[in-house]
Amino acid sequence: MFMRNLASATAIAMVMGAIASAQSLTITSPAFQQGGQIPSKFTCDAGPAAVNPQLVFGNVPAKTQSLALIMDDPDVPKTMIPSGEFVHWLKWDIAPTAKGIAEGEGKDGINGMGKPGYMGPCPPDKSHRYFFKLYALDTKLTGAYKNKAELEKAMEGHVIQKAELMANFEKASTKK
C-alpha cells in the first residue's frame, strides 16, 4: 500500500512539474539551438556587418511589467578581464507583450565596451559559451544603467522568472 501511494505521489509530482515547466518563461532563437553554435553572421567573423540573432520569448508571466535581457560570456581569460566575464548586450524596459527581438534590432541597450547596442561574440582564444538571459520583472526599469552590475541591482527583488539560452562560438582564426 505504501509503495502504491508513493508511486501515485511521485506520478502527481512529475505531472505538476511538467505543467509548471510548460508555463515557464522561455527564450529561443531560430538561428541556433540550445547548446549549439552561433552562426558567424552574428559574430565578429562578420566584421562590422554583425547583427544580433532573432530571439523569441514565450510564456511571459501574466504579472510581468517589463522584461530585461543580459547576454554575456563567462569564459574570458582572467588575464584579460579579472572577472572572467564580458557583457555583450544589456537591454531593459522591454514590453511584456514583446514576442522577442528581431534579427538586427539590437541597436539599443549597452554592451561591455560602454557603447550602445549588441556586440557579437569574439572570443580571443577558444570556443566560449554565450548566455542570453531573459528576466520577467514585476516593475518597469526606465533608468540609464551603465553596466550589468547596475542593471542587476535595479532588478533585485523584482524578478518573477528567468529563462536562459546558451550557445557556443569560436572565431575562425582560432580554430585548429
N, C-alpha and C. Protein backbone atom coordinates (compact mmCIF):
# COMPACT_ATOMS: atom_id res chain seq x y z
N MET A 1 0.83 -1.19 0.00
CA MET A 1 0.00 0.00 0.00
C MET A 1 0.87 1.26 0.00
N PHE A 2 1.90 1.28 0.89
CA PHE A 2 2.81 2.41 0.96
C PHE A 2 3.48 2.67 -0.39
N MET A 3 3.92 1.59 -1.05
CA MET A 3 4.61 1.73 -2.34
C MET A 3 3.66 2.28 -3.41
N ARG A 4 2.39 1.84 -3.37
CA ARG A 4 1.42 2.32 -4.35
C ARG A 4 1.16 3.80 -4.12
N ASN A 5 1.03 4.23 -2.85
CA ASN A 5 0.83 5.65 -2.54
C ASN A 5 2.05 6.47 -2.93
N LEU A 6 3.24 5.93 -2.69
CA LEU A 6 4.47 6.61 -3.07
C LEU A 6 4.53 6.77 -4.58
N ALA A 7 4.18 5.71 -5.31
CA ALA A 7 4.18 5.77 -6.77
C ALA A 7 3.17 6.81 -7.26
N SER A 8 2.00 6.86 -6.65
CA SER A 8 0.97 7.84 -7.03
C SER A 8 1.46 9.26 -6.74
N ALA A 9 2.06 9.46 -5.59
CA ALA A 9 2.58 10.78 -5.23
C ALA A 9 3.68 11.21 -6.19
N THR A 10 4.54 10.28 -6.55
CA THR A 10 5.62 10.57 -7.48
C THR A 10 5.05 10.94 -8.85
N ALA A 11 4.06 10.20 -9.32
CA ALA A 11 3.43 10.49 -10.62
C ALA A 11 2.78 11.86 -10.61
N ILE A 12 2.09 12.20 -9.53
CA ILE A 12 1.45 13.52 -9.42
C ILE A 12 2.51 14.62 -9.42
N ALA A 13 3.58 14.43 -8.68
CA ALA A 13 4.65 15.43 -8.64
C ALA A 13 5.27 15.62 -10.02
N MET A 14 5.44 14.54 -10.77
CA MET A 14 6.02 14.64 -12.11
C MET A 14 5.08 15.41 -13.05
N VAL A 15 3.78 15.14 -12.96
CA VAL A 15 2.81 15.85 -13.80
C VAL A 15 2.80 17.32 -13.43
N MET A 16 2.78 17.63 -12.14
CA MET A 16 2.78 19.03 -11.70
C MET A 16 4.05 19.74 -12.13
N GLY A 17 5.17 19.06 -12.07
CA GLY A 17 6.44 19.64 -12.53
C GLY A 17 6.41 19.91 -14.02
N ALA A 18 5.84 19.00 -14.79
CA ALA A 18 5.74 19.17 -16.24
C ALA A 18 4.83 20.34 -16.57
N ILE A 19 3.72 20.48 -15.83
CA ILE A 19 2.81 21.61 -16.06
C ILE A 19 3.51 22.91 -15.72
N ALA A 20 4.21 22.97 -14.59
CA ALA A 20 4.91 24.19 -14.20
C ALA A 20 5.98 24.56 -15.20
N SER A 21 6.76 23.58 -15.69
CA SER A 21 7.82 23.90 -16.63
C SER A 21 7.25 24.29 -17.99
N ALA A 22 6.07 23.77 -18.34
CA ALA A 22 5.45 24.12 -19.61
C ALA A 22 5.00 25.58 -19.59
N GLN A 23 4.81 26.13 -18.41
CA GLN A 23 4.36 27.51 -18.29
C GLN A 23 5.49 28.46 -17.91
N SER A 24 6.70 27.99 -17.89
CA SER A 24 7.83 28.83 -17.52
C SER A 24 8.25 29.71 -18.69
N LEU A 25 8.78 30.86 -18.35
CA LEU A 25 9.32 31.80 -19.32
C LEU A 25 10.33 31.09 -20.21
N THR A 26 10.32 31.40 -21.51
CA THR A 26 11.28 30.78 -22.43
C THR A 26 11.94 31.83 -23.31
N ILE A 27 13.14 31.52 -23.76
CA ILE A 27 13.86 32.30 -24.75
C ILE A 27 14.52 31.31 -25.70
N THR A 28 14.27 31.48 -26.99
CA THR A 28 14.84 30.62 -28.03
C THR A 28 15.29 31.50 -29.19
N SER A 29 15.95 30.87 -30.15
CA SER A 29 16.34 31.56 -31.37
C SER A 29 16.21 30.61 -32.54
N PRO A 30 15.63 31.07 -33.65
CA PRO A 30 15.59 30.22 -34.84
C PRO A 30 16.98 30.10 -35.50
N ALA A 31 17.94 30.91 -35.06
CA ALA A 31 19.28 30.92 -35.66
C ALA A 31 20.17 29.81 -35.12
N PHE A 32 19.88 29.30 -33.91
CA PHE A 32 20.70 28.25 -33.30
C PHE A 32 19.91 27.57 -32.20
N GLN A 33 20.33 26.37 -31.87
CA GLN A 33 19.68 25.58 -30.83
C GLN A 33 20.38 25.81 -29.48
N GLN A 34 19.67 25.49 -28.41
CA GLN A 34 20.27 25.49 -27.07
C GLN A 34 21.52 24.62 -27.10
N GLY A 35 22.65 25.17 -26.69
CA GLY A 35 23.91 24.43 -26.67
C GLY A 35 24.58 24.32 -28.03
N GLY A 36 23.98 24.90 -29.06
CA GLY A 36 24.53 24.82 -30.42
C GLY A 36 25.56 25.90 -30.70
N GLN A 37 25.82 26.10 -31.98
CA GLN A 37 26.82 27.07 -32.42
C GLN A 37 26.13 28.33 -32.95
N ILE A 38 26.62 29.48 -32.54
CA ILE A 38 26.11 30.75 -33.05
C ILE A 38 26.68 30.95 -34.45
N PRO A 39 25.83 31.17 -35.46
CA PRO A 39 26.32 31.39 -36.82
C PRO A 39 27.19 32.65 -36.91
N SER A 40 28.17 32.60 -37.79
CA SER A 40 29.15 33.68 -37.94
C SER A 40 28.54 35.05 -38.20
N LYS A 41 27.40 35.12 -38.86
CA LYS A 41 26.82 36.42 -39.19
C LYS A 41 26.45 37.24 -37.96
N PHE A 42 26.40 36.59 -36.78
CA PHE A 42 26.07 37.27 -35.54
C PHE A 42 27.30 37.54 -34.69
N THR A 43 28.50 37.37 -35.27
CA THR A 43 29.76 37.43 -34.52
C THR A 43 30.77 38.35 -35.19
N CYS A 44 31.93 38.46 -34.58
CA CYS A 44 32.99 39.29 -35.15
C CYS A 44 33.52 38.73 -36.46
N ASP A 45 33.26 37.47 -36.75
CA ASP A 45 33.67 36.91 -38.05
C ASP A 45 32.96 37.63 -39.19
N ALA A 46 31.81 38.25 -38.90
CA ALA A 46 31.06 39.01 -39.92
C ALA A 46 31.56 40.45 -39.99
N GLY A 47 32.50 40.80 -39.13
CA GLY A 47 33.02 42.16 -39.13
C GLY A 47 31.96 43.17 -38.68
N PRO A 48 32.03 44.38 -39.23
CA PRO A 48 31.08 45.42 -38.81
C PRO A 48 29.63 45.10 -39.21
N ALA A 49 29.43 44.12 -40.07
CA ALA A 49 28.08 43.76 -40.50
C ALA A 49 27.38 42.85 -39.49
N ALA A 50 28.05 42.46 -38.41
CA ALA A 50 27.45 41.56 -37.41
C ALA A 50 26.20 42.19 -36.81
N VAL A 51 25.15 41.39 -36.69
CA VAL A 51 23.90 41.82 -36.09
C VAL A 51 23.48 40.81 -35.03
N ASN A 52 22.54 41.23 -34.20
CA ASN A 52 22.03 40.30 -33.19
C ASN A 52 21.15 39.24 -33.83
N PRO A 53 21.15 38.03 -33.26
CA PRO A 53 20.24 37.00 -33.76
C PRO A 53 18.81 37.30 -33.33
N GLN A 54 17.87 36.75 -34.05
CA GLN A 54 16.47 36.85 -33.63
C GLN A 54 16.30 36.05 -32.35
N LEU A 55 15.59 36.63 -31.40
CA LEU A 55 15.27 35.96 -30.15
C LEU A 55 13.76 35.89 -30.02
N VAL A 56 13.25 34.78 -29.53
CA VAL A 56 11.82 34.56 -29.39
C VAL A 56 11.51 34.32 -27.91
N PHE A 57 10.54 35.08 -27.39
CA PHE A 57 10.14 34.96 -25.99
C PHE A 57 8.81 34.21 -25.92
N GLY A 58 8.66 33.39 -24.89
CA GLY A 58 7.41 32.67 -24.71
C GLY A 58 7.03 32.55 -23.25
N ASN A 59 5.76 32.32 -23.00
CA ASN A 59 5.22 32.09 -21.66
C ASN A 59 5.58 33.19 -20.66
N VAL A 60 5.47 34.44 -21.10
CA VAL A 60 5.74 35.56 -20.19
C VAL A 60 4.66 35.56 -19.11
N PRO A 61 5.05 35.54 -17.83
CA PRO A 61 4.06 35.51 -16.75
C PRO A 61 3.10 36.71 -16.82
N ALA A 62 1.85 36.47 -16.45
CA ALA A 62 0.80 37.48 -16.54
C ALA A 62 1.11 38.76 -15.77
N LYS A 63 1.80 38.66 -14.64
CA LYS A 63 2.06 39.84 -13.80
C LYS A 63 3.30 40.62 -14.23
N THR A 64 3.91 40.25 -15.33
CA THR A 64 5.13 40.91 -15.79
C THR A 64 4.84 42.35 -16.22
N GLN A 65 5.67 43.27 -15.71
CA GLN A 65 5.57 44.68 -16.08
C GLN A 65 6.59 45.07 -17.14
N SER A 66 7.70 44.34 -17.18
CA SER A 66 8.73 44.57 -18.21
C SER A 66 9.67 43.37 -18.25
N LEU A 67 10.44 43.31 -19.32
CA LEU A 67 11.45 42.25 -19.50
C LEU A 67 12.82 42.91 -19.58
N ALA A 68 13.83 42.16 -19.18
CA ALA A 68 15.22 42.61 -19.31
C ALA A 68 16.03 41.46 -19.91
N LEU A 69 17.07 41.81 -20.66
CA LEU A 69 17.91 40.82 -21.33
C LEU A 69 19.37 41.11 -21.02
N ILE A 70 20.09 40.06 -20.66
CA ILE A 70 21.54 40.16 -20.46
C ILE A 70 22.18 39.07 -21.31
N MET A 71 23.13 39.46 -22.16
CA MET A 71 23.92 38.49 -22.91
C MET A 71 25.37 38.63 -22.46
N ASP A 72 25.93 37.53 -21.97
CA ASP A 72 27.32 37.61 -21.52
C ASP A 72 28.10 36.35 -21.85
N ASP A 73 29.41 36.48 -21.71
CA ASP A 73 30.38 35.42 -21.96
C ASP A 73 31.17 35.23 -20.67
N PRO A 74 30.99 34.11 -19.97
CA PRO A 74 31.71 33.90 -18.71
C PRO A 74 33.06 33.21 -18.88
N ASP A 75 33.54 33.05 -20.12
CA ASP A 75 34.75 32.26 -20.38
C ASP A 75 35.97 33.10 -20.80
N VAL A 76 35.94 34.38 -20.54
CA VAL A 76 37.05 35.26 -20.91
C VAL A 76 38.25 34.97 -19.99
N PRO A 77 39.46 34.88 -20.56
CA PRO A 77 40.63 34.66 -19.69
C PRO A 77 40.74 35.76 -18.63
N LYS A 78 40.97 35.34 -17.39
CA LYS A 78 41.08 36.31 -16.29
C LYS A 78 42.29 37.23 -16.44
N THR A 79 43.23 36.84 -17.30
CA THR A 79 44.36 37.73 -17.57
C THR A 79 43.92 38.93 -18.42
N MET A 80 42.79 38.78 -19.10
CA MET A 80 42.25 39.87 -19.92
C MET A 80 41.25 40.72 -19.15
N ILE A 81 40.35 40.02 -18.44
CA ILE A 81 39.32 40.69 -17.62
C ILE A 81 39.28 39.93 -16.30
N PRO A 82 39.63 40.58 -15.21
CA PRO A 82 39.73 39.88 -13.92
C PRO A 82 38.47 39.09 -13.52
N SER A 83 37.29 39.56 -13.90
CA SER A 83 36.06 38.84 -13.55
C SER A 83 35.87 37.60 -14.42
N GLY A 84 36.57 37.54 -15.56
CA GLY A 84 36.41 36.42 -16.48
C GLY A 84 35.12 36.49 -17.28
N GLU A 85 34.49 37.66 -17.29
CA GLU A 85 33.19 37.81 -17.95
C GLU A 85 33.16 39.06 -18.81
N PHE A 86 32.54 38.93 -19.98
CA PHE A 86 32.34 40.09 -20.83
C PHE A 86 30.85 40.18 -21.18
N VAL A 87 30.30 41.38 -21.06
CA VAL A 87 28.89 41.61 -21.36
C VAL A 87 28.76 42.06 -22.81
N HIS A 88 27.98 41.32 -23.58
CA HIS A 88 27.78 41.63 -24.99
C HIS A 88 26.54 42.47 -25.26
N TRP A 89 25.60 42.44 -24.30
CA TRP A 89 24.37 43.18 -24.56
C TRP A 89 23.53 43.25 -23.29
N LEU A 90 23.09 44.45 -22.96
CA LEU A 90 22.13 44.68 -21.89
C LEU A 90 20.95 45.41 -22.51
N LYS A 91 19.77 44.93 -22.24
CA LYS A 91 18.57 45.58 -22.77
C LYS A 91 17.49 45.48 -21.70
N TRP A 92 16.81 46.57 -21.41
CA TRP A 92 15.80 46.57 -20.37
C TRP A 92 14.59 47.39 -20.81
N ASP A 93 13.57 47.34 -19.97
CA ASP A 93 12.29 48.00 -20.26
C ASP A 93 11.70 47.50 -21.58
N ILE A 94 11.82 46.20 -21.80
CA ILE A 94 11.19 45.56 -22.96
C ILE A 94 9.74 45.30 -22.57
N ALA A 95 8.82 45.61 -23.44
CA ALA A 95 7.40 45.43 -23.16
C ALA A 95 7.09 43.96 -22.86
N PRO A 96 6.24 43.70 -21.86
CA PRO A 96 5.91 42.31 -21.53
C PRO A 96 5.13 41.61 -22.64
N THR A 97 4.59 42.38 -23.57
CA THR A 97 3.86 41.80 -24.70
C THR A 97 4.78 41.47 -25.87
N ALA A 98 6.06 41.82 -25.76
CA ALA A 98 7.02 41.55 -26.84
C ALA A 98 7.13 40.05 -27.05
N LYS A 99 7.10 39.65 -28.30
CA LYS A 99 7.24 38.23 -28.64
C LYS A 99 8.70 37.86 -28.86
N GLY A 100 9.58 38.89 -28.80
CA GLY A 100 11.00 38.65 -28.98
C GLY A 100 11.68 39.90 -29.51
N ILE A 101 12.86 39.68 -30.07
CA ILE A 101 13.64 40.76 -30.67
C ILE A 101 14.04 40.29 -32.07
N ALA A 102 13.73 41.09 -33.06
CA ALA A 102 14.02 40.72 -34.44
C ALA A 102 15.53 40.76 -34.72
N GLU A 103 15.95 39.97 -35.68
CA GLU A 103 17.35 39.99 -36.11
C GLU A 103 17.72 41.41 -36.53
N GLY A 104 18.87 41.89 -36.04
CA GLY A 104 19.36 43.21 -36.39
C GLY A 104 18.73 44.36 -35.64
N GLU A 105 17.84 44.07 -34.69
CA GLU A 105 17.14 45.12 -33.94
C GLU A 105 17.87 45.49 -32.65
N GLY A 106 19.10 45.05 -32.47
CA GLY A 106 19.81 45.25 -31.21
C GLY A 106 20.64 46.51 -31.13
N LYS A 107 20.10 47.61 -31.61
CA LYS A 107 20.87 48.85 -31.61
C LYS A 107 20.78 49.61 -30.29
N ASP A 108 19.81 49.25 -29.45
CA ASP A 108 19.72 49.93 -28.16
C ASP A 108 20.25 49.03 -27.05
N GLY A 109 20.19 49.53 -25.84
CA GLY A 109 20.83 48.83 -24.74
C GLY A 109 22.28 49.27 -24.68
N ILE A 110 23.11 48.45 -24.07
CA ILE A 110 24.53 48.80 -23.93
C ILE A 110 25.35 47.52 -23.87
N ASN A 111 26.61 47.61 -24.26
CA ASN A 111 27.49 46.44 -24.20
C ASN A 111 28.67 46.72 -23.27
N GLY A 112 29.53 45.74 -23.12
CA GLY A 112 30.66 45.82 -22.19
C GLY A 112 31.71 46.85 -22.55
N MET A 113 31.61 47.40 -23.76
CA MET A 113 32.53 48.47 -24.15
C MET A 113 31.94 49.84 -23.81
N GLY A 114 30.74 49.83 -23.18
CA GLY A 114 30.08 51.07 -22.82
C GLY A 114 29.41 51.74 -24.00
N LYS A 115 29.26 51.00 -25.09
CA LYS A 115 28.65 51.55 -26.31
C LYS A 115 27.23 51.00 -26.46
N PRO A 116 26.40 51.74 -27.19
CA PRO A 116 25.04 51.25 -27.36
C PRO A 116 24.96 50.01 -28.23
N GLY A 117 24.06 49.13 -27.85
CA GLY A 117 23.69 48.00 -28.69
C GLY A 117 24.44 46.71 -28.49
N TYR A 118 24.05 45.77 -29.32
CA TYR A 118 24.58 44.41 -29.35
C TYR A 118 26.02 44.40 -29.84
N MET A 119 26.84 43.56 -29.22
CA MET A 119 28.22 43.34 -29.66
C MET A 119 28.39 41.84 -29.82
N GLY A 120 28.65 41.40 -31.04
CA GLY A 120 28.73 39.97 -31.34
C GLY A 120 29.88 39.27 -30.64
N PRO A 121 29.72 37.97 -30.43
CA PRO A 121 30.78 37.17 -29.82
C PRO A 121 32.10 37.28 -30.60
N CYS A 122 33.20 37.32 -29.85
CA CYS A 122 34.52 37.43 -30.46
C CYS A 122 35.56 36.89 -29.48
N PRO A 123 35.50 35.60 -29.17
CA PRO A 123 36.40 35.05 -28.16
C PRO A 123 37.86 35.13 -28.62
N PRO A 124 38.75 35.52 -27.72
CA PRO A 124 40.15 35.72 -28.09
C PRO A 124 40.98 34.45 -28.22
N ASP A 125 40.47 33.33 -27.66
CA ASP A 125 41.38 32.19 -27.51
C ASP A 125 40.82 30.83 -27.92
N LYS A 126 39.55 30.59 -27.71
CA LYS A 126 38.97 29.25 -27.94
C LYS A 126 37.46 29.41 -28.02
N SER A 127 36.76 28.29 -28.07
CA SER A 127 35.31 28.34 -28.05
C SER A 127 34.84 28.85 -26.68
N HIS A 128 33.89 29.78 -26.70
CA HIS A 128 33.30 30.31 -25.47
C HIS A 128 31.81 30.04 -25.48
N ARG A 129 31.23 30.08 -24.28
CA ARG A 129 29.78 29.97 -24.12
C ARG A 129 29.18 31.38 -24.02
N TYR A 130 28.02 31.54 -24.63
CA TYR A 130 27.32 32.82 -24.60
C TYR A 130 25.92 32.58 -24.06
N PHE A 131 25.57 33.33 -23.03
CA PHE A 131 24.29 33.17 -22.35
C PHE A 131 23.40 34.36 -22.66
N PHE A 132 22.21 34.08 -23.15
CA PHE A 132 21.16 35.07 -23.34
C PHE A 132 20.18 34.83 -22.19
N LYS A 133 20.12 35.75 -21.24
CA LYS A 133 19.29 35.59 -20.04
C LYS A 133 18.13 36.58 -20.12
N LEU A 134 16.93 36.04 -20.06
CA LEU A 134 15.72 36.86 -20.12
C LEU A 134 15.07 36.87 -18.74
N TYR A 135 14.72 38.05 -18.26
CA TYR A 135 14.12 38.21 -16.95
C TYR A 135 12.73 38.83 -17.07
N ALA A 136 11.74 38.22 -16.46
CA ALA A 136 10.40 38.80 -16.33
C ALA A 136 10.38 39.54 -15.00
N LEU A 137 10.05 40.82 -15.05
CA LEU A 137 10.12 41.67 -13.85
C LEU A 137 8.73 42.18 -13.46
N ASP A 138 8.55 42.42 -12.17
CA ASP A 138 7.29 42.94 -11.68
C ASP A 138 7.27 44.47 -11.62
N THR A 139 8.21 45.10 -12.31
CA THR A 139 8.31 46.56 -12.36
C THR A 139 8.90 46.97 -13.71
N LYS A 140 8.80 48.25 -14.02
CA LYS A 140 9.45 48.78 -15.22
C LYS A 140 10.79 49.37 -14.79
N LEU A 141 11.81 49.14 -15.59
CA LEU A 141 13.13 49.70 -15.33
C LEU A 141 13.38 50.76 -16.40
N THR A 142 13.32 52.00 -16.02
CA THR A 142 13.47 53.07 -17.01
C THR A 142 14.75 53.87 -16.80
N GLY A 143 15.59 53.45 -15.87
CA GLY A 143 16.83 54.16 -15.59
C GLY A 143 17.85 54.00 -16.70
N ALA A 144 18.94 54.74 -16.59
CA ALA A 144 20.05 54.65 -17.53
C ALA A 144 21.16 53.86 -16.84
N TYR A 145 21.22 52.57 -17.08
CA TYR A 145 22.19 51.71 -16.42
C TYR A 145 23.44 51.64 -17.26
N LYS A 146 24.59 51.82 -16.61
CA LYS A 146 25.87 51.87 -17.31
C LYS A 146 26.51 50.51 -17.52
N ASN A 147 26.09 49.52 -16.69
CA ASN A 147 26.72 48.20 -16.77
C ASN A 147 25.80 47.14 -16.17
N LYS A 148 26.25 45.89 -16.27
CA LYS A 148 25.47 44.75 -15.79
C LYS A 148 25.20 44.85 -14.29
N ALA A 149 26.18 45.27 -13.51
CA ALA A 149 26.01 45.36 -12.05
C ALA A 149 24.89 46.34 -11.70
N GLU A 150 24.83 47.47 -12.38
CA GLU A 150 23.78 48.45 -12.12
C GLU A 150 22.41 47.90 -12.51
N LEU A 151 22.34 47.21 -13.65
CA LEU A 151 21.08 46.62 -14.09
C LEU A 151 20.63 45.54 -13.12
N GLU A 152 21.54 44.66 -12.72
CA GLU A 152 21.18 43.60 -11.77
C GLU A 152 20.72 44.18 -10.43
N LYS A 153 21.35 45.25 -9.99
CA LYS A 153 20.94 45.90 -8.73
C LYS A 153 19.52 46.44 -8.86
N ALA A 154 19.20 47.03 -10.00
CA ALA A 154 17.85 47.56 -10.23
C ALA A 154 16.82 46.44 -10.30
N MET A 155 17.22 45.27 -10.80
CA MET A 155 16.30 44.13 -10.92
C MET A 155 16.11 43.39 -9.60
N GLU A 156 17.01 43.59 -8.66
CA GLU A 156 16.99 42.87 -7.39
C GLU A 156 15.62 42.96 -6.72
N GLY A 157 15.07 41.80 -6.37
CA GLY A 157 13.77 41.74 -5.71
C GLY A 157 12.58 41.87 -6.65
N HIS A 158 12.84 42.00 -7.96
CA HIS A 158 11.76 42.20 -8.92
C HIS A 158 11.65 41.08 -9.96
N VAL A 159 12.50 40.08 -9.88
CA VAL A 159 12.49 39.01 -10.87
C VAL A 159 11.38 38.01 -10.55
N ILE A 160 10.45 37.85 -11.49
CA ILE A 160 9.37 36.88 -11.36
C ILE A 160 9.86 35.52 -11.86
N GLN A 161 10.45 35.53 -13.06
CA GLN A 161 11.00 34.31 -13.66
C GLN A 161 12.20 34.68 -14.52
N LYS A 162 13.03 33.67 -14.77
CA LYS A 162 14.21 33.85 -15.60
C LYS A 162 14.28 32.68 -16.58
N ALA A 163 14.69 32.98 -17.81
CA ALA A 163 14.92 31.94 -18.82
C ALA A 163 16.31 32.16 -19.40
N GLU A 164 16.90 31.09 -19.91
CA GLU A 164 18.28 31.19 -20.40
C GLU A 164 18.45 30.38 -21.68
N LEU A 165 19.19 30.96 -22.61
CA LEU A 165 19.56 30.30 -23.86
C LEU A 165 21.08 30.38 -23.93
N MET A 166 21.74 29.23 -24.11
CA MET A 166 23.20 29.21 -24.19
C MET A 166 23.62 28.63 -25.52
N ALA A 167 24.62 29.27 -26.13
CA ALA A 167 25.20 28.77 -27.37
C ALA A 167 26.69 29.03 -27.35
N ASN A 168 27.40 28.40 -28.25
CA ASN A 168 28.86 28.48 -28.31
C ASN A 168 29.32 29.18 -29.58
N PHE A 169 30.54 29.70 -29.51
CA PHE A 169 31.16 30.25 -30.72
C PHE A 169 32.67 30.25 -30.56
N GLU A 170 33.35 29.96 -31.68
CA GLU A 170 34.81 30.07 -31.76
C GLU A 170 35.13 30.75 -33.07
N LYS A 171 35.98 31.77 -32.99
CA LYS A 171 36.39 32.51 -34.19
C LYS A 171 37.07 31.58 -35.18
N ALA A 172 36.86 31.85 -36.46
CA ALA A 172 37.50 31.06 -37.50
C ALA A 172 39.02 31.09 -37.35
N SER A 173 39.57 32.23 -36.92
CA SER A 173 41.03 32.36 -36.83
C SER A 173 41.65 31.59 -35.66
N THR A 174 40.84 31.14 -34.68
CA THR A 174 41.42 30.39 -33.56
C THR A 174 41.13 28.90 -33.65
N LYS A 175 40.34 28.48 -34.62
CA LYS A 175 40.05 27.04 -34.77
C LYS A 175 41.30 26.33 -35.25
N LYS A 176 41.49 25.13 -34.73
CA LYS A 176 42.68 24.36 -35.12
C LYS A 176 42.30 23.20 -35.98
